[in-house]
């Protein structure tokens, strides 16, 4: 029996938790000015350098924008060699899930997903959402234009092809 996102196999203290530290200046005005300036610049830079992929479901072709993280980068590297075909099963009426056949570097965070989100579950499962869920995932990307996306996925199992754009 196949299960996906209804069980969390991670336990506290298993080393899977990650934390980050933010360095902050002691001068509050310096933090606000630099923070807003660097956030604007980095958002603009990310938009210019965002990796785009093709997501094909049957005869329907969609584009997606990848996240800026190591898992998305590793997923993209796989696509540069050859398109990645994944047999995806319908799960709980809101997502399609399938085995990638390889592990990607995960950095799971509690996330509420929405239609069009592409995430990594359990380090080796790709999940594409046509509904919403809240769980611990590593975000990989998002479908750019959702027109016809839910209909293309349908209600049963599908083969989804991910390729470099």
N, C-alpha and C. Protein backbone atom coordinates (compact mmCIF):
# COMPACT_ATOMS: atom_id res chain seq x y z
N UNK A 1 0.84 -1.18 0.00
CA UNK A 1 0.00 0.00 0.00
C UNK A 1 0.88 1.23 0.00
N UNK A 2 0.48 2.22 -0.76
CA UNK A 2 1.26 3.43 -0.91
C UNK A 2 0.67 4.53 -0.04
N UNK A 3 1.48 5.14 0.77
CA UNK A 3 1.03 6.29 1.53
C UNK A 3 1.98 7.43 1.28
N UNK A 4 1.47 8.61 1.40
CA UNK A 4 2.32 9.78 1.15
C UNK A 4 2.36 10.66 2.37
N UNK A 5 1.61 11.68 2.26
CA UNK A 5 1.80 12.80 3.17
C UNK A 5 0.96 12.72 4.42
N UNK A 6 0.34 11.62 4.68
CA UNK A 6 -0.47 11.49 5.87
C UNK A 6 0.32 11.04 7.08
N UNK A 7 1.58 10.67 6.88
CA UNK A 7 2.39 10.23 8.01
C UNK A 7 3.69 11.00 7.98
N UNK A 8 4.15 11.42 9.11
CA UNK A 8 5.43 12.10 9.20
C UNK A 8 6.39 11.14 9.86
N UNK A 9 7.39 10.69 9.12
CA UNK A 9 8.34 9.70 9.63
C UNK A 9 9.48 10.31 10.43
N UNK A 10 9.54 11.61 10.53
CA UNK A 10 10.63 12.24 11.27
C UNK A 10 10.27 12.34 12.73
N UNK A 11 11.25 12.13 13.55
CA UNK A 11 11.02 12.25 14.98
C UNK A 11 11.96 13.31 15.53
N UNK A 12 11.55 13.99 16.59
CA UNK A 12 12.42 15.00 17.17
C UNK A 12 13.76 14.39 17.56
N UNK A 13 14.80 15.13 17.25
CA UNK A 13 16.13 14.69 17.63
C UNK A 13 16.77 13.74 16.63
N UNK A 14 16.12 13.54 15.45
CA UNK A 14 16.73 12.62 14.48
C UNK A 14 17.73 13.31 13.57
N UNK A 15 17.99 14.57 13.84
CA UNK A 15 18.99 15.30 13.07
C UNK A 15 18.42 15.94 11.83
N UNK A 16 17.11 15.82 11.59
CA UNK A 16 16.55 16.37 10.37
C UNK A 16 16.16 17.83 10.52
N UNK A 17 16.12 18.32 11.72
CA UNK A 17 15.77 19.71 11.93
C UNK A 17 16.94 20.61 11.56
N UNK A 18 16.64 21.73 10.95
CA UNK A 18 17.66 22.69 10.61
C UNK A 18 17.27 24.04 11.19
N UNK A 19 18.26 24.83 11.51
CA UNK A 19 17.97 26.17 11.98
C UNK A 19 18.85 27.14 11.23
N UNK A 20 18.45 28.39 11.25
CA UNK A 20 19.27 29.40 10.61
C UNK A 20 19.45 30.56 11.57
N UNK A 21 20.52 31.28 11.38
CA UNK A 21 20.84 32.40 12.25
C UNK A 21 20.94 33.64 11.38
N UNK A 22 20.33 34.72 11.81
CA UNK A 22 20.35 35.97 11.09
C UNK A 22 21.21 36.96 11.85
N UNK A 23 22.21 37.51 11.19
CA UNK A 23 23.06 38.50 11.83
C UNK A 23 22.38 39.86 11.74
N UNK A 24 22.33 40.57 12.86
CA UNK A 24 21.67 41.85 12.91
C UNK A 24 22.61 42.87 13.53
N UNK A 25 22.67 44.05 12.92
CA UNK A 25 23.50 45.12 13.43
C UNK A 25 22.88 45.70 14.70
N UNK A 26 23.71 46.29 15.53
CA UNK A 26 23.18 46.91 16.75
C UNK A 26 22.53 48.25 16.45
N UNK A 27 22.73 48.82 15.26
CA UNK A 27 22.12 50.08 14.86
C UNK A 27 20.82 49.78 14.12
N UNK A 28 19.64 50.01 14.74
CA UNK A 28 18.36 49.65 14.13
C UNK A 28 18.13 50.32 12.78
N UNK A 29 18.55 51.58 12.61
CA UNK A 29 18.31 52.25 11.33
C UNK A 29 19.12 51.59 10.22
N UNK A 30 20.30 51.09 10.55
CA UNK A 30 21.14 50.41 9.57
C UNK A 30 20.47 49.12 9.09
N UNK A 31 19.87 48.36 10.02
CA UNK A 31 19.20 47.12 9.65
C UNK A 31 18.04 47.37 8.72
N UNK A 32 17.19 48.37 9.02
CA UNK A 32 16.01 48.63 8.21
C UNK A 32 16.39 49.07 6.81
N UNK A 33 17.35 49.99 6.68
CA UNK A 33 17.73 50.49 5.36
C UNK A 33 18.39 49.38 4.55
N UNK A 34 19.36 48.69 5.13
CA UNK A 34 20.05 47.64 4.39
C UNK A 34 19.11 46.49 4.08
N UNK A 35 18.28 46.14 5.03
CA UNK A 35 17.38 45.01 4.86
C UNK A 35 16.42 45.26 3.71
N UNK A 36 15.75 46.42 3.69
CA UNK A 36 14.78 46.68 2.63
C UNK A 36 15.47 46.85 1.29
N UNK A 37 16.64 47.45 1.27
CA UNK A 37 17.38 47.62 0.02
C UNK A 37 17.84 46.28 -0.52
N UNK A 38 18.43 45.44 0.33
CA UNK A 38 18.93 44.15 -0.15
C UNK A 38 17.78 43.21 -0.50
N UNK A 39 16.65 43.32 0.20
CA UNK A 39 15.51 42.47 -0.14
C UNK A 39 14.98 42.83 -1.52
N UNK A 40 14.90 44.13 -1.84
CA UNK A 40 14.43 44.55 -3.15
C UNK A 40 15.37 44.08 -4.24
N UNK A 41 16.67 44.26 -4.00
CA UNK A 41 17.65 43.84 -5.00
C UNK A 41 17.64 42.33 -5.18
N UNK A 42 17.61 41.58 -4.09
CA UNK A 42 17.66 40.13 -4.23
C UNK A 42 16.38 39.59 -4.87
N UNK A 43 15.23 40.19 -4.61
CA UNK A 43 13.99 39.74 -5.25
C UNK A 43 14.07 39.99 -6.75
N UNK A 44 14.58 41.14 -7.14
CA UNK A 44 14.72 41.45 -8.57
C UNK A 44 15.73 40.52 -9.23
N UNK A 45 16.85 40.25 -8.54
CA UNK A 45 17.86 39.35 -9.09
C UNK A 45 17.30 37.94 -9.25
N UNK A 46 16.55 37.47 -8.25
CA UNK A 46 15.97 36.13 -8.33
C UNK A 46 15.02 36.02 -9.50
N UNK A 47 14.22 37.08 -9.74
CA UNK A 47 13.27 37.04 -10.84
C UNK A 47 14.01 36.93 -12.17
N UNK A 48 15.12 37.64 -12.32
CA UNK A 48 15.89 37.60 -13.55
C UNK A 48 16.57 36.26 -13.76
N UNK A 49 16.98 35.60 -12.68
CA UNK A 49 17.74 34.36 -12.80
C UNK A 49 16.92 33.13 -12.44
N UNK A 50 15.61 33.28 -12.26
CA UNK A 50 14.76 32.16 -11.86
C UNK A 50 14.83 31.05 -12.91
N UNK A 51 14.98 29.83 -12.43
CA UNK A 51 15.01 28.68 -13.32
C UNK A 51 13.58 28.30 -13.69
N UNK A 52 13.36 28.11 -14.97
CA UNK A 52 12.06 27.70 -15.48
C UNK A 52 12.15 26.27 -15.96
N UNK A 53 11.09 25.52 -15.74
CA UNK A 53 11.02 24.15 -16.24
C UNK A 53 9.69 23.96 -16.96
N UNK A 54 9.64 22.90 -17.76
CA UNK A 54 8.39 22.48 -18.39
C UNK A 54 7.83 21.32 -17.60
N UNK A 55 6.51 21.34 -17.43
CA UNK A 55 5.81 20.27 -16.74
C UNK A 55 4.72 19.79 -17.70
N UNK A 56 4.89 18.57 -18.21
CA UNK A 56 3.93 18.05 -19.17
C UNK A 56 3.08 16.98 -18.54
N UNK A 57 1.76 17.15 -18.68
CA UNK A 57 0.79 16.18 -18.19
C UNK A 57 -0.06 15.80 -19.40
N UNK A 58 0.16 14.60 -19.92
CA UNK A 58 -0.54 14.20 -21.15
C UNK A 58 -0.14 15.14 -22.28
N UNK A 59 -1.14 15.71 -22.95
CA UNK A 59 -0.89 16.65 -24.04
C UNK A 59 -0.77 18.09 -23.56
N UNK A 60 -0.87 18.31 -22.29
CA UNK A 60 -0.87 19.66 -21.73
C UNK A 60 0.53 20.04 -21.23
N UNK A 61 1.01 21.19 -21.67
CA UNK A 61 2.33 21.66 -21.27
C UNK A 61 2.20 22.92 -20.42
N UNK A 62 2.84 22.91 -19.27
CA UNK A 62 2.84 24.04 -18.35
C UNK A 62 4.28 24.43 -18.07
N UNK A 63 4.49 25.67 -17.67
CA UNK A 63 5.81 26.07 -17.20
C UNK A 63 5.72 26.29 -15.70
N UNK A 64 6.87 26.11 -15.05
CA UNK A 64 6.95 26.32 -13.61
C UNK A 64 8.24 27.06 -13.31
N UNK A 65 8.22 27.79 -12.23
CA UNK A 65 9.41 28.49 -11.75
C UNK A 65 9.92 27.74 -10.53
N UNK A 66 11.20 27.40 -10.56
CA UNK A 66 11.80 26.67 -9.44
C UNK A 66 12.17 27.61 -8.31
N UNK A 67 12.16 27.07 -7.11
CA UNK A 67 12.61 27.79 -5.92
C UNK A 67 14.13 27.95 -5.97
N UNK A 68 14.63 28.84 -5.15
CA UNK A 68 16.07 29.04 -5.03
C UNK A 68 16.56 28.26 -3.81
N UNK A 69 16.75 26.94 -3.98
CA UNK A 69 17.27 26.12 -2.90
C UNK A 69 18.02 24.92 -3.49
N UNK A 70 18.74 24.20 -2.64
CA UNK A 70 19.59 23.11 -3.12
C UNK A 70 18.78 21.95 -3.70
N UNK A 71 17.60 21.69 -3.18
CA UNK A 71 16.77 20.60 -3.70
C UNK A 71 16.30 20.93 -5.12
N UNK A 72 15.84 22.15 -5.33
CA UNK A 72 15.40 22.56 -6.67
C UNK A 72 16.56 22.56 -7.65
N UNK A 73 17.73 23.00 -7.19
CA UNK A 73 18.93 22.98 -8.05
C UNK A 73 19.28 21.54 -8.45
N UNK A 74 19.21 20.61 -7.50
CA UNK A 74 19.53 19.21 -7.79
C UNK A 74 18.49 18.60 -8.74
N UNK A 75 17.23 18.96 -8.56
CA UNK A 75 16.15 18.50 -9.43
C UNK A 75 16.40 19.01 -10.86
N UNK A 76 16.78 20.27 -10.98
CA UNK A 76 17.06 20.87 -12.29
C UNK A 76 18.26 20.18 -12.95
N UNK A 77 19.28 19.86 -12.17
CA UNK A 77 20.45 19.16 -12.71
C UNK A 77 20.05 17.82 -13.32
N UNK A 78 19.11 17.12 -12.68
CA UNK A 78 18.61 15.85 -13.23
C UNK A 78 17.96 16.08 -14.59
N UNK A 79 17.21 17.17 -14.73
CA UNK A 79 16.50 17.47 -15.97
C UNK A 79 17.44 17.87 -17.10
N UNK A 80 18.61 18.40 -16.76
CA UNK A 80 19.56 18.81 -17.78
C UNK A 80 20.11 17.59 -18.54
N UNK A 81 20.16 16.46 -17.89
CA UNK A 81 20.63 15.22 -18.52
C UNK A 81 19.55 14.63 -19.41
N UNK A 82 18.34 14.54 -18.91
CA UNK A 82 17.21 13.98 -19.65
C UNK A 82 15.93 14.38 -18.92
N UNK A 83 14.80 14.43 -19.64
CA UNK A 83 13.53 14.70 -18.96
C UNK A 83 13.29 13.67 -17.85
N UNK A 84 12.66 14.11 -16.78
CA UNK A 84 12.37 13.25 -15.64
C UNK A 84 10.89 12.87 -15.71
N UNK A 85 10.62 11.59 -15.94
CA UNK A 85 9.25 11.08 -16.01
C UNK A 85 8.90 10.44 -14.68
N UNK A 86 7.76 10.84 -14.15
CA UNK A 86 7.32 10.31 -12.86
C UNK A 86 5.89 9.82 -12.98
N UNK A 87 5.70 8.55 -12.64
CA UNK A 87 4.36 7.98 -12.55
C UNK A 87 3.78 8.47 -11.23
N UNK A 88 2.68 9.24 -11.32
CA UNK A 88 2.12 9.85 -10.12
C UNK A 88 0.74 9.28 -9.82
N UNK A 89 0.55 8.98 -8.55
CA UNK A 89 -0.72 8.44 -8.08
C UNK A 89 -1.50 9.54 -7.38
N UNK A 90 -2.80 9.46 -7.51
CA UNK A 90 -3.65 10.42 -6.83
C UNK A 90 -3.68 10.08 -5.34
N UNK A 91 -3.57 11.10 -4.52
CA UNK A 91 -3.58 10.89 -3.08
C UNK A 91 -4.55 11.86 -2.42
N UNK A 92 -5.56 11.36 -1.79
CA UNK A 92 -6.51 12.10 -0.96
C UNK A 92 -7.28 13.21 -1.67
N UNK A 93 -7.31 13.18 -2.98
CA UNK A 93 -8.12 14.15 -3.70
C UNK A 93 -7.58 15.56 -3.73
N UNK A 94 -6.26 15.75 -3.45
CA UNK A 94 -5.70 17.09 -3.53
C UNK A 94 -4.27 17.12 -4.05
N UNK A 95 -3.68 15.94 -4.34
CA UNK A 95 -2.31 15.93 -4.80
C UNK A 95 -2.03 14.69 -5.63
N UNK A 96 -0.97 14.79 -6.44
CA UNK A 96 -0.42 13.65 -7.17
C UNK A 96 0.98 13.45 -6.60
N UNK A 97 1.37 12.19 -6.36
CA UNK A 97 2.66 11.91 -5.75
C UNK A 97 3.31 10.73 -6.47
N UNK A 98 4.63 10.83 -6.64
CA UNK A 98 5.35 9.75 -7.28
C UNK A 98 6.81 9.74 -6.88
N UNK A 99 7.40 8.56 -7.00
CA UNK A 99 8.80 8.39 -6.62
C UNK A 99 9.72 8.98 -7.67
N UNK A 100 10.69 9.72 -7.21
CA UNK A 100 11.69 10.32 -8.09
C UNK A 100 12.73 9.29 -8.51
N UNK A 101 12.93 8.28 -7.69
CA UNK A 101 13.93 7.27 -7.98
C UNK A 101 15.32 7.69 -7.55
N UNK A 102 15.41 8.80 -6.86
CA UNK A 102 16.68 9.32 -6.33
C UNK A 102 16.34 10.21 -5.15
N UNK A 103 17.34 10.48 -4.33
CA UNK A 103 17.14 11.38 -3.18
C UNK A 103 17.66 12.76 -3.52
N UNK A 104 16.94 13.77 -3.10
CA UNK A 104 17.37 15.16 -3.22
C UNK A 104 17.64 15.70 -1.83
N UNK A 105 18.48 16.73 -1.71
CA UNK A 105 18.74 17.32 -0.39
C UNK A 105 17.49 18.04 0.13
N UNK A 106 16.93 17.53 1.20
CA UNK A 106 15.69 18.08 1.76
C UNK A 106 15.98 19.13 2.83
N UNK A 107 15.12 20.12 2.88
CA UNK A 107 15.13 21.11 3.96
C UNK A 107 13.67 21.39 4.31
N UNK A 108 13.01 20.37 4.85
CA UNK A 108 11.58 20.43 5.12
C UNK A 108 11.23 21.51 6.14
N UNK A 109 10.11 22.17 5.84
CA UNK A 109 9.53 23.17 6.74
C UNK A 109 8.02 22.97 6.72
N UNK A 110 7.37 23.29 7.82
CA UNK A 110 5.91 23.24 7.84
C UNK A 110 5.39 24.21 6.80
N UNK A 111 4.57 23.72 5.90
CA UNK A 111 4.15 24.50 4.74
C UNK A 111 2.68 24.25 4.46
N UNK A 112 1.97 25.27 4.07
CA UNK A 112 0.63 25.10 3.54
C UNK A 112 0.75 25.26 2.03
N UNK A 113 0.38 24.20 1.31
CA UNK A 113 0.50 24.20 -0.14
C UNK A 113 -0.79 24.67 -0.78
N UNK A 114 -0.66 25.02 -2.06
CA UNK A 114 -1.80 25.46 -2.85
C UNK A 114 -1.70 24.84 -4.24
N UNK A 115 -2.77 24.95 -4.99
CA UNK A 115 -2.78 24.42 -6.35
C UNK A 115 -1.56 24.92 -7.13
N UNK A 116 -0.88 23.99 -7.78
CA UNK A 116 0.28 24.34 -8.60
C UNK A 116 1.61 24.21 -7.90
N UNK A 117 1.60 24.01 -6.59
CA UNK A 117 2.87 23.85 -5.87
C UNK A 117 3.50 22.50 -6.20
N UNK A 118 4.82 22.50 -6.34
CA UNK A 118 5.60 21.29 -6.56
C UNK A 118 6.56 21.19 -5.38
N UNK A 119 6.48 20.08 -4.65
CA UNK A 119 7.29 19.94 -3.45
C UNK A 119 7.98 18.58 -3.41
N UNK A 120 8.96 18.50 -2.54
CA UNK A 120 9.66 17.26 -2.26
C UNK A 120 9.17 16.74 -0.92
N UNK A 121 8.79 15.47 -0.89
CA UNK A 121 8.35 14.84 0.34
C UNK A 121 9.25 13.66 0.63
N UNK A 122 9.72 13.56 1.84
CA UNK A 122 10.51 12.42 2.29
C UNK A 122 11.82 12.25 1.52
N UNK A 123 12.28 13.32 0.87
CA UNK A 123 13.57 13.30 0.19
C UNK A 123 13.58 12.65 -1.18
N UNK A 124 12.53 11.87 -1.51
CA UNK A 124 12.55 11.16 -2.79
C UNK A 124 11.19 11.07 -3.48
N UNK A 125 10.22 11.80 -2.99
CA UNK A 125 8.89 11.81 -3.59
C UNK A 125 8.58 13.21 -4.11
N UNK A 126 8.12 13.28 -5.36
CA UNK A 126 7.69 14.57 -5.91
C UNK A 126 6.18 14.63 -5.76
N UNK A 127 5.70 15.75 -5.25
CA UNK A 127 4.27 15.93 -5.05
C UNK A 127 3.84 17.19 -5.81
N UNK A 128 2.78 17.05 -6.60
CA UNK A 128 2.20 18.17 -7.34
C UNK A 128 0.79 18.37 -6.80
N UNK A 129 0.49 19.58 -6.39
CA UNK A 129 -0.80 19.85 -5.75
C UNK A 129 -1.81 20.45 -6.71
N UNK A 130 -3.04 19.93 -6.63
CA UNK A 130 -4.17 20.56 -7.31
C UNK A 130 -5.20 21.01 -6.26
N UNK A 131 -4.84 20.88 -5.01
CA UNK A 131 -5.62 21.34 -3.87
C UNK A 131 -4.65 21.89 -2.84
N UNK A 132 -5.02 21.84 -1.59
CA UNK A 132 -4.20 22.41 -0.53
C UNK A 132 -3.97 21.39 0.58
N UNK A 133 -2.82 21.51 1.23
CA UNK A 133 -2.49 20.66 2.35
C UNK A 133 -1.47 21.38 3.22
N UNK A 134 -1.37 20.99 4.46
CA UNK A 134 -0.37 21.55 5.36
C UNK A 134 0.46 20.39 5.91
N UNK A 135 1.78 20.44 5.65
CA UNK A 135 2.68 19.37 6.08
C UNK A 135 4.11 19.88 6.00
N UNK A 136 5.06 19.01 6.30
CA UNK A 136 6.48 19.36 6.22
C UNK A 136 7.02 18.93 4.85
N UNK A 137 7.36 19.93 4.05
CA UNK A 137 7.85 19.70 2.70
C UNK A 137 9.07 20.57 2.43
N UNK A 138 9.76 20.25 1.35
CA UNK A 138 10.77 21.13 0.77
C UNK A 138 10.17 21.65 -0.52
N UNK A 139 10.01 22.95 -0.62
CA UNK A 139 9.43 23.53 -1.83
C UNK A 139 10.40 23.41 -3.00
N UNK A 140 9.88 22.99 -4.15
CA UNK A 140 10.69 22.89 -5.36
C UNK A 140 10.30 23.95 -6.38
N UNK A 141 9.02 24.24 -6.51
CA UNK A 141 8.60 25.22 -7.51
C UNK A 141 7.10 25.40 -7.52
N UNK A 142 6.64 26.15 -8.54
CA UNK A 142 5.21 26.44 -8.66
C UNK A 142 4.87 26.60 -10.13
N UNK A 143 3.74 26.04 -10.54
CA UNK A 143 3.24 26.20 -11.89
C UNK A 143 2.93 27.68 -12.10
N UNK A 144 3.39 28.23 -13.23
CA UNK A 144 3.22 29.67 -13.48
C UNK A 144 1.79 30.06 -13.82
N UNK A 145 1.13 29.31 -14.67
CA UNK A 145 -0.23 29.62 -15.10
C UNK A 145 -1.08 28.39 -14.86
N UNK A 146 -2.04 28.49 -13.96
CA UNK A 146 -2.84 27.34 -13.55
C UNK A 146 -4.02 27.03 -14.47
N UNK A 147 -4.18 27.78 -15.55
CA UNK A 147 -5.29 27.56 -16.48
C UNK A 147 -5.26 26.12 -17.00
N UNK A 148 -6.27 25.35 -16.67
CA UNK A 148 -6.40 23.97 -17.13
C UNK A 148 -5.54 22.97 -16.37
N UNK A 149 -4.81 23.39 -15.36
CA UNK A 149 -3.90 22.50 -14.66
C UNK A 149 -4.63 21.37 -13.93
N UNK A 150 -5.64 21.73 -13.16
CA UNK A 150 -6.38 20.72 -12.39
C UNK A 150 -7.05 19.72 -13.33
N UNK A 151 -7.63 20.20 -14.42
CA UNK A 151 -8.27 19.30 -15.38
C UNK A 151 -7.26 18.37 -16.04
N UNK A 152 -6.07 18.89 -16.33
CA UNK A 152 -5.03 18.07 -16.96
C UNK A 152 -4.60 16.92 -16.04
N UNK A 153 -4.51 17.19 -14.74
CA UNK A 153 -4.12 16.15 -13.79
C UNK A 153 -5.19 15.08 -13.66
N UNK A 154 -6.45 15.48 -13.80
CA UNK A 154 -7.55 14.52 -13.72
C UNK A 154 -7.70 13.90 -12.35
N UNK A 155 -8.48 12.82 -12.28
CA UNK A 155 -8.78 12.21 -10.98
C UNK A 155 -8.01 10.91 -10.74
N UNK A 156 -7.32 10.41 -11.75
CA UNK A 156 -6.60 9.15 -11.58
C UNK A 156 -5.10 9.34 -11.62
N UNK A 157 -4.41 8.24 -11.87
CA UNK A 157 -2.95 8.26 -11.95
C UNK A 157 -2.53 8.90 -13.27
N UNK A 158 -1.36 9.58 -13.27
CA UNK A 158 -0.86 10.26 -14.46
C UNK A 158 0.65 10.11 -14.53
N UNK A 159 1.18 10.30 -15.73
CA UNK A 159 2.62 10.41 -15.91
C UNK A 159 2.92 11.89 -16.13
N UNK A 160 3.82 12.42 -15.33
CA UNK A 160 4.20 13.82 -15.44
C UNK A 160 5.68 13.86 -15.86
N UNK A 161 5.95 14.66 -16.88
CA UNK A 161 7.32 14.81 -17.38
C UNK A 161 7.83 16.19 -17.01
N UNK A 162 8.94 16.23 -16.31
CA UNK A 162 9.61 17.48 -15.93
C UNK A 162 10.84 17.63 -16.81
N UNK A 163 11.01 18.79 -17.44
CA UNK A 163 12.18 19.00 -18.29
C UNK A 163 12.64 20.45 -18.20
N UNK A 164 13.92 20.66 -18.50
CA UNK A 164 14.48 22.01 -18.50
C UNK A 164 13.81 22.81 -19.61
N UNK A 165 13.47 24.05 -19.33
CA UNK A 165 12.80 24.90 -20.33
C UNK A 165 13.80 25.50 -21.28
